[in-house]
C-alpha atoms as a PDB file:
ATOM      1  CA  MET A   1      43.644 -75.486  -5.972  1.00  0.00           C
ATOM      2  CA  ILE A   2      45.218 -74.461  -2.706  1.00  0.00           C
ATOM      3  CA  GLY A   3      43.653 -72.253  -0.094  1.00  0.00           C
ATOM      4  CA  PRO A   4      44.837 -68.866   1.103  1.00  0.00           C
ATOM      5  CA  TRP A   5      46.500 -70.274   4.238  1.00  0.00           C
ATOM      6  CA  ALA A   6      48.563 -72.737   2.223  1.00  0.00           C
ATOM      7  CA  ARG A   7      49.649 -69.930  -0.118  1.00  0.00           C
ATOM      8  CA  TRP A   8      50.557 -67.768   2.881  1.00  0.00           C
ATOM      9  CA  ASP A   9      52.599 -70.591   4.428  1.00  0.00           C
ATOM     10  CA  ARG A  10      54.468 -71.082   1.149  1.00  0.00           C
ATOM     11  CA  HIS A  11      55.121 -67.353   0.927  1.00  0.00           C
ATOM     12  CA  ILE A  12      56.521 -67.203   4.470  1.00  0.00           C
ATOM     13  CA  ALA A  13      58.690 -70.287   3.886  1.00  0.00           C
ATOM     14  CA  ARG A  14      60.052 -68.766   0.647  1.00  0.00           C
ATOM     15  CA  ARG A  15      60.789 -65.475   2.384  1.00  0.00           C
ATOM     16  CA  ARG A  16      62.620 -67.158   5.284  1.00  0.00           C
ATOM     17  CA  ARG A  17      64.650 -69.259   2.845  1.00  0.00           C
ATOM     18  CA  LEU A  18      65.543 -66.126   0.892  1.00  0.00           C
ATOM     19  CA  GLU A  19      66.592 -64.227   4.018  1.00  0.00           C
ATOM     20  CA  ARG A  20      68.827 -67.132   5.051  1.00  0.00           C
ATOM     21  CA  GLN A  21      70.493 -67.187   1.640  1.00  0.00           C
ATOM     22  CA  ILE A  22      71.085 -63.446   1.531  1.00  0.00           C
ATOM     23  CA  GLY A  23      72.788 -63.571   4.923  1.00  0.00           C
ATOM     24  CA  GLN A  24      73.664 -60.185   6.384  1.00  0.00           C
ATOM     25  CA  HIS A  25      73.623 -58.275   3.078  1.00  0.00           C
ATOM     26  CA  LEU A  26      70.302 -56.615   3.843  1.00  0.00           C
ATOM     27  CA  PRO A  27      69.209 -52.991   3.434  1.00  0.00           C
ATOM     28  CA  GLY A  28      69.752 -50.659   6.347  1.00  0.00           C
ATOM     29  CA  ALA A  29      67.736 -47.567   7.217  1.00  0.00           C
ATOM     30  CA  THR A  30      69.392 -45.547   4.429  1.00  0.00           C
ATOM     31  CA  TYR A  31      69.299 -48.432   1.926  1.00  0.00           C
ATOM     32  CA  ALA A  32      72.978 -49.093   2.305  1.00  0.00           C
ATOM     33  CA  CYS A  33      73.990 -52.706   2.890  1.00  0.00           C
ATOM     34  CA  VAL A  34      74.418 -53.372   6.613  1.00  0.00           C
ATOM     35  CA  GLU A  35      77.358 -55.695   5.930  1.00  0.00           C
ATOM     36  CA  CYS A  36      79.500 -53.906   3.314  1.00  0.00           C
ATOM     37  CA  GLU A  37      77.906 -50.395   3.365  1.00  0.00           C
ATOM     38  CA  GLN A  38      77.498 -50.198  -0.435  1.00  0.00           C
ATOM     39  CA  ASP A  39      74.193 -49.157  -1.996  1.00  0.00           C
ATOM     40  CA  TRP A  40      71.692 -51.984  -1.564  1.00  0.00           C
ATOM     41  CA  PRO A  41      71.417 -54.364  -3.333  1.00  0.00           C
ATOM     42  CA  CYS A  42      75.189 -54.772  -3.244  1.00  0.00           C
ATOM     43  CA  PRO A  43      76.860 -57.338  -5.544  1.00  0.00           C
ATOM     44  CA  HIS A  44      76.633 -60.039  -2.842  1.00  0.00           C
ATOM     45  CA  ALA A  45      72.924 -59.369  -2.283  1.00  0.00           C
ATOM     46  CA  ARG A  46      72.283 -59.346  -6.050  1.00  0.00           C
ATOM     47  CA  LEU A  47      73.899 -62.743  -6.472  1.00  0.00           C
ATOM     48  CA  SER A  48      72.015 -64.137  -3.490  1.00  0.00           C
ATOM     49  CA  LEU A  49      68.733 -62.746  -4.795  1.00  0.00           C
ATOM     50  CA  LEU A  50      69.290 -64.265  -8.238  1.00  0.00           C
ATOM     51  CA  ILE A  51      70.111 -67.641  -6.701  1.00  0.00           C
ATOM     52  CA  GLY A  52      67.262 -67.430  -4.206  1.00  0.00           C
ATOM     53  CA  PHE A  53      64.605 -66.622  -6.776  1.00  0.00           C
ATOM     54  CA  ASP A  54      66.027 -69.300  -9.102  1.00  0.00           C
ATOM     55  CA  GLY A  55      64.956 -67.823 -12.423  1.00  0.00           C
ATOM     56  CA  ASN A  56      61.655 -66.409 -11.157  1.00  0.00           C
ATOM     57  CA  ARG A  57      62.211 -62.940 -12.608  1.00  0.00           C
ATOM     58  CA  VAL A  58      58.667 -61.748 -11.911  1.00  0.00           C
ATOM     59  CA  GLY A  59      58.901 -62.742  -8.255  1.00  0.00           C
ATOM     60  CA  LEU A  60      62.279 -61.020  -7.945  1.00  0.00           C
ATOM     61  CA  MET A  61      60.969 -57.830  -9.531  1.00  0.00           C
ATOM     62  CA  MET A  62      57.943 -57.842  -7.212  1.00  0.00           C
ATOM     63  CA  TYR A  63      60.199 -58.336  -4.176  1.00  0.00           C
ATOM     64  CA  LEU A  64      62.421 -55.451  -5.252  1.00  0.00           C
ATOM     65  CA  ALA A  65      59.416 -53.281  -6.140  1.00  0.00           C
ATOM     66  CA  ALA A  66      58.161 -53.748  -2.578  1.00  0.00           C
ATOM     67  CA  HIS A  67      61.416 -52.153  -1.390  1.00  0.00           C
ATOM     68  CA  LEU A  68      61.027 -49.190  -3.734  1.00  0.00           C
ATOM     69  CA  PRO A  69      58.574 -47.035  -1.691  1.00  0.00           C
ATOM     70  CA  ARG A  70      60.636 -47.527   1.455  1.00  0.00           C
ATOM     71  CA  ALA A  71      63.812 -46.563  -0.392  1.00  0.00           C
ATOM     72  CA  LEU A  72      62.131 -43.459  -1.798  1.00  0.00           C
ATOM     73  CA  GLU A  73      61.174 -42.411   1.735  1.00  0.00           C
ATOM     74  CA  ALA A  74      64.607 -43.257   3.155  1.00  0.00           C
ATOM     75  CA  LEU A  75      66.504 -41.322   0.466  1.00  0.00           C
ATOM     76  CA  PRO A  76      64.604 -38.029  -0.025  1.00  0.00           C
ATOM     77  CA  ASP A  77      67.675 -36.140  -1.310  1.00  0.00           C
ATOM     78  CA  ARG A  78      68.452 -38.606  -4.101  1.00  0.00           C
ATOM     79  CA  HIS A  79      66.682 -38.352  -7.469  1.00  0.00           C
ATOM     80  CA  PRO A  80      63.922 -40.994  -7.779  1.00  0.00           C
ATOM     81  CA  ALA A  81      65.272 -42.256 -11.110  1.00  0.00           C
ATOM     82  CA  LEU A  82      68.595 -43.057  -9.438  1.00  0.00           C
ATOM     83  CA  ILE A  83      66.830 -44.994  -6.701  1.00  0.00           C
ATOM     84  CA  VAL A  84      64.832 -46.998  -9.233  1.00  0.00           C
ATOM     85  CA  GLY A  85      68.041 -47.733 -11.123  1.00  0.00           C
ATOM     86  CA  GLN A  86      69.754 -48.831  -7.929  1.00  0.00           C
ATOM     87  CA  ILE A  87      66.994 -51.196  -6.885  1.00  0.00           C
ATOM     88  CA  LEU A  88      65.399 -52.474 -10.103  1.00  0.00           C
ATOM     89  CA  TYR A  89      67.506 -51.987 -13.214  1.00  0.00           C
ATOM     90  CA  TRP A  90      70.260 -54.460 -12.350  1.00  0.00           C
ATOM     91  CA  VAL A  91      67.968 -57.471 -12.870  1.00  0.00           C
ATOM     92  CA  PRO A  92      69.019 -59.342 -16.025  1.00  0.00           C
ATOM     93  CA  ARG A  93      66.617 -59.281 -18.930  1.00  0.00           C
ATOM     94  CA  GLN A  94      65.028 -62.446 -20.216  1.00  0.00           C
ATOM     95  CA  ARG A  95      66.399 -63.923 -23.390  1.00  0.00           C
END
C-alpha cells in the first residue's frame, strides 16, 4: 500500500505527462481551444486525451468531469445539455 504523498506524486506526474501530450490544444476562458478555436475538446485534444489516458476510461471521464463545472460557469448562455455533450459524450464506450 502506498501513502498519500506517493499517490499525489503519481497524480502530478500523470497530469504533467498529459499536459505535455495535449500540447497547446487546451481550453481557453470560453472553453474554446486556444490553438484552433473550436469547441474544446477539439479533435486534436480528443485524440491526445485518448492516447494520454491509454484505455483508462474512468480516469478520462473523471478528468473531463472536473472541467464540467468550469465550462458551465464559462458558458452561461449555452444549454447545459449541450455543454455536457461537448465535454463528455464523445468518449468511446467500452466494448
